[in-house]
Protein backbone atom coordinates (compact mmCIF):
# COMPACT_ATOMS: atom_id res chain seq x y z
CA UNK A 1 17.56 21.50 16.28
CA UNK A 2 13.94 21.04 17.37
CA UNK A 3 12.86 17.44 18.10
CA UNK A 4 10.13 17.61 15.42
CA UNK A 5 12.58 18.70 12.72
CA UNK A 6 15.14 16.13 13.84
CA UNK A 7 12.56 13.32 13.68
CA UNK A 8 11.37 14.46 10.24
CA UNK A 9 14.95 14.39 8.94
CA UNK A 10 15.37 10.85 10.27
CA UNK A 11 12.20 9.82 8.42
CA UNK A 12 13.44 11.54 5.25
CA UNK A 13 16.69 9.58 5.47
CA UNK A 14 14.63 6.37 5.33
CA UNK A 15 11.93 7.27 2.79
CA UNK A 16 13.70 9.81 0.54
CA UNK A 17 11.09 9.81 -2.25
CA UNK A 18 7.55 8.84 -3.11
CA UNK A 19 7.21 5.19 -4.07
CA UNK A 20 4.45 6.06 -6.56
CA UNK A 21 5.71 9.10 -8.52
CA UNK A 22 9.33 9.20 -7.23
CA UNK A 23 9.17 12.85 -6.15
CA UNK A 24 11.71 13.69 -3.44
CA UNK A 25 10.06 14.27 -0.08
CA UNK A 26 10.71 17.32 2.07
CA UNK A 27 10.14 17.91 5.77
CA UNK A 28 6.95 19.80 4.84
CA UNK A 29 5.50 16.51 3.53
CA UNK A 30 5.70 14.92 7.00
CA UNK A 31 2.93 15.57 9.50
CA UNK A 32 3.20 14.38 13.09
CA UNK A 33 -0.03 12.70 14.15
CA UNK A 34 0.84 11.62 17.66
CA UNK A 35 3.89 11.84 19.88
CA UNK A 36 4.43 9.98 23.12
CA UNK A 37 7.56 8.79 24.96
CA UNK A 38 7.55 5.34 23.31
CA UNK A 39 6.36 6.07 19.78
CA UNK A 40 5.73 8.84 17.29
CA UNK A 41 3.22 8.31 14.47
CA UNK A 42 3.48 10.41 11.32
CA UNK A 43 1.84 10.82 7.94
CA UNK A 44 4.04 11.32 4.88
CA UNK A 45 1.95 12.63 1.98
CA UNK A 46 3.24 13.34 -1.51
CA UNK A 47 2.08 16.76 -2.69
CA UNK A 48 2.23 15.63 -6.35
CA UNK A 49 0.31 12.34 -6.42
CA UNK A 50 -1.22 12.47 -2.91
CA UNK A 51 -0.08 8.97 -1.96
CA UNK A 52 0.16 8.51 1.78
CA UNK A 53 2.48 6.57 4.03
CA UNK A 54 2.01 6.17 7.75
CA UNK A 55 5.22 5.91 9.77
CA UNK A 56 5.73 4.80 13.35
CA UNK A 57 9.04 5.70 14.97
CA UNK A 58 9.84 3.73 18.11
CA UNK A 59 11.64 5.52 20.91
CA UNK A 60 13.75 3.92 23.63
CA UNK A 61 12.43 0.37 24.03
CA UNK A 62 9.11 0.87 22.26
CA UNK A 63 7.16 -2.26 21.36
CA UNK A 64 7.21 -3.09 17.61
CA UNK A 65 3.84 -4.86 17.95
CA UNK A 66 2.31 -1.65 19.34
CA UNK A 67 3.76 0.28 16.39
CA UNK A 68 2.36 -2.22 13.90
CA UNK A 69 -1.07 -2.04 15.54
CA UNK A 70 -0.99 1.78 15.53
CA UNK A 71 -0.15 1.83 11.81
CA UNK A 72 -2.90 -0.66 11.02
CA UNK A 73 -5.42 1.45 12.95
CA UNK A 74 -4.32 4.62 11.13
CA UNK A 75 -4.65 2.89 7.76
CA UNK A 76 -8.08 1.49 8.59
CA UNK A 77 -9.27 4.89 9.80
CA UNK A 78 -7.99 6.61 6.64
CA UNK A 79 -9.74 4.05 4.42
CA UNK A 80 -13.03 4.52 6.30
CA UNK A 81 -12.77 8.31 6.06
CA UNK A 82 -11.96 8.26 2.36
CA UNK A 83 -14.74 5.82 1.52
CA UNK A 84 -17.27 7.83 3.57
CA UNK A 85 -16.67 11.08 1.68
CA UNK A 86 -15.84 9.66 -1.72
CA UNK A 87 -18.29 9.53 -4.60
CA UNK A 88 -16.34 6.59 -5.94
CA UNK A 89 -17.98 3.31 -4.95
CA UNK A 90 -15.98 0.74 -3.05
CA UNK A 91 -14.44 -1.96 -5.20
CA UNK A 92 -16.81 -4.81 -5.87
CA UNK A 93 -15.33 -7.82 -7.66
CA UNK A 94 -17.00 -8.70 -10.92
CA UNK A 95 -18.02 -12.17 -11.91
CA UNK A 96 -19.34 -15.05 -9.92
CA UNK A 97 -18.62 -15.07 -6.22
CA UNK A 98 -19.52 -18.71 -5.87
CA UNK A 99 -17.72 -21.58 -7.48
CA UNK A 100 -14.58 -23.54 -6.96
CA UNK A 101 -11.60 -21.68 -5.50
CA UNK A 102 -8.37 -21.66 -7.48
CA UNK A 103 -6.29 -24.65 -6.44
CA UNK A 104 -2.54 -25.18 -6.42
CA UNK A 105 -3.00 -27.56 -9.36
CA UNK A 106 -4.75 -24.75 -11.31
CA UNK A 107 -1.79 -22.46 -10.72
CA UNK A 108 0.68 -25.14 -11.80
CA UNK A 109 -1.37 -25.84 -14.95
CA UNK A 110 -1.39 -22.15 -15.87
CA UNK A 111 2.34 -21.87 -15.19
CA UNK A 112 3.02 -24.86 -17.45
CA UNK A 113 0.80 -23.39 -20.18
CA UNK A 114 2.49 -19.98 -20.01
CA UNK A 115 5.94 -21.53 -20.26
CA UNK A 116 5.06 -22.85 -23.71
CA UNK A 117 2.63 -20.11 -24.85
CA UNK A 118 3.88 -18.29 -27.95
CA UNK A 119 1.75 -15.17 -27.47
CA UNK A 120 -0.67 -15.85 -30.35
CA UNK A 121 -3.96 -14.78 -28.74
CA UNK A 122 -5.87 -14.88 -32.04
CA UNK A 123 -5.14 -18.57 -32.39
CA UNK A 124 -5.85 -19.18 -28.71
CA UNK A 125 -9.32 -17.62 -28.77
CA UNK A 126 -10.29 -18.55 -32.32
CA UNK A 127 -13.43 -20.62 -32.69
CA UNK A 128 -12.55 -24.04 -34.11
CA UNK A 129 -13.69 -24.43 -37.71
CA UNK A 130 -15.84 -27.21 -38.79
């Protein structure tokens, strides 16, 4: 069996299916980006929903930190390429960007409120009479 096919089958054993649409992957969904003695980098792309996963396979005594860096660089590059050719604007948060950050006490208060909230949004947002 060719090394490329063998590596793709190993990746398929780990990923099996798309995490977004749950379609089963095939070896045709895996594209080898780079191959060197210590690490192979691959792109696994779902042909149904087009979600992408980058995979780094370490060989011999490859360095996990190098693999993590390579995956981060691939992801950053893909994001830049997509945003450069996309007509869809980059996400911009709505609302005020200044103000007090959410504190741990805020989170605890919301948790306490939600524990006793009965789900009646009409009552919650109703303007008080009188």
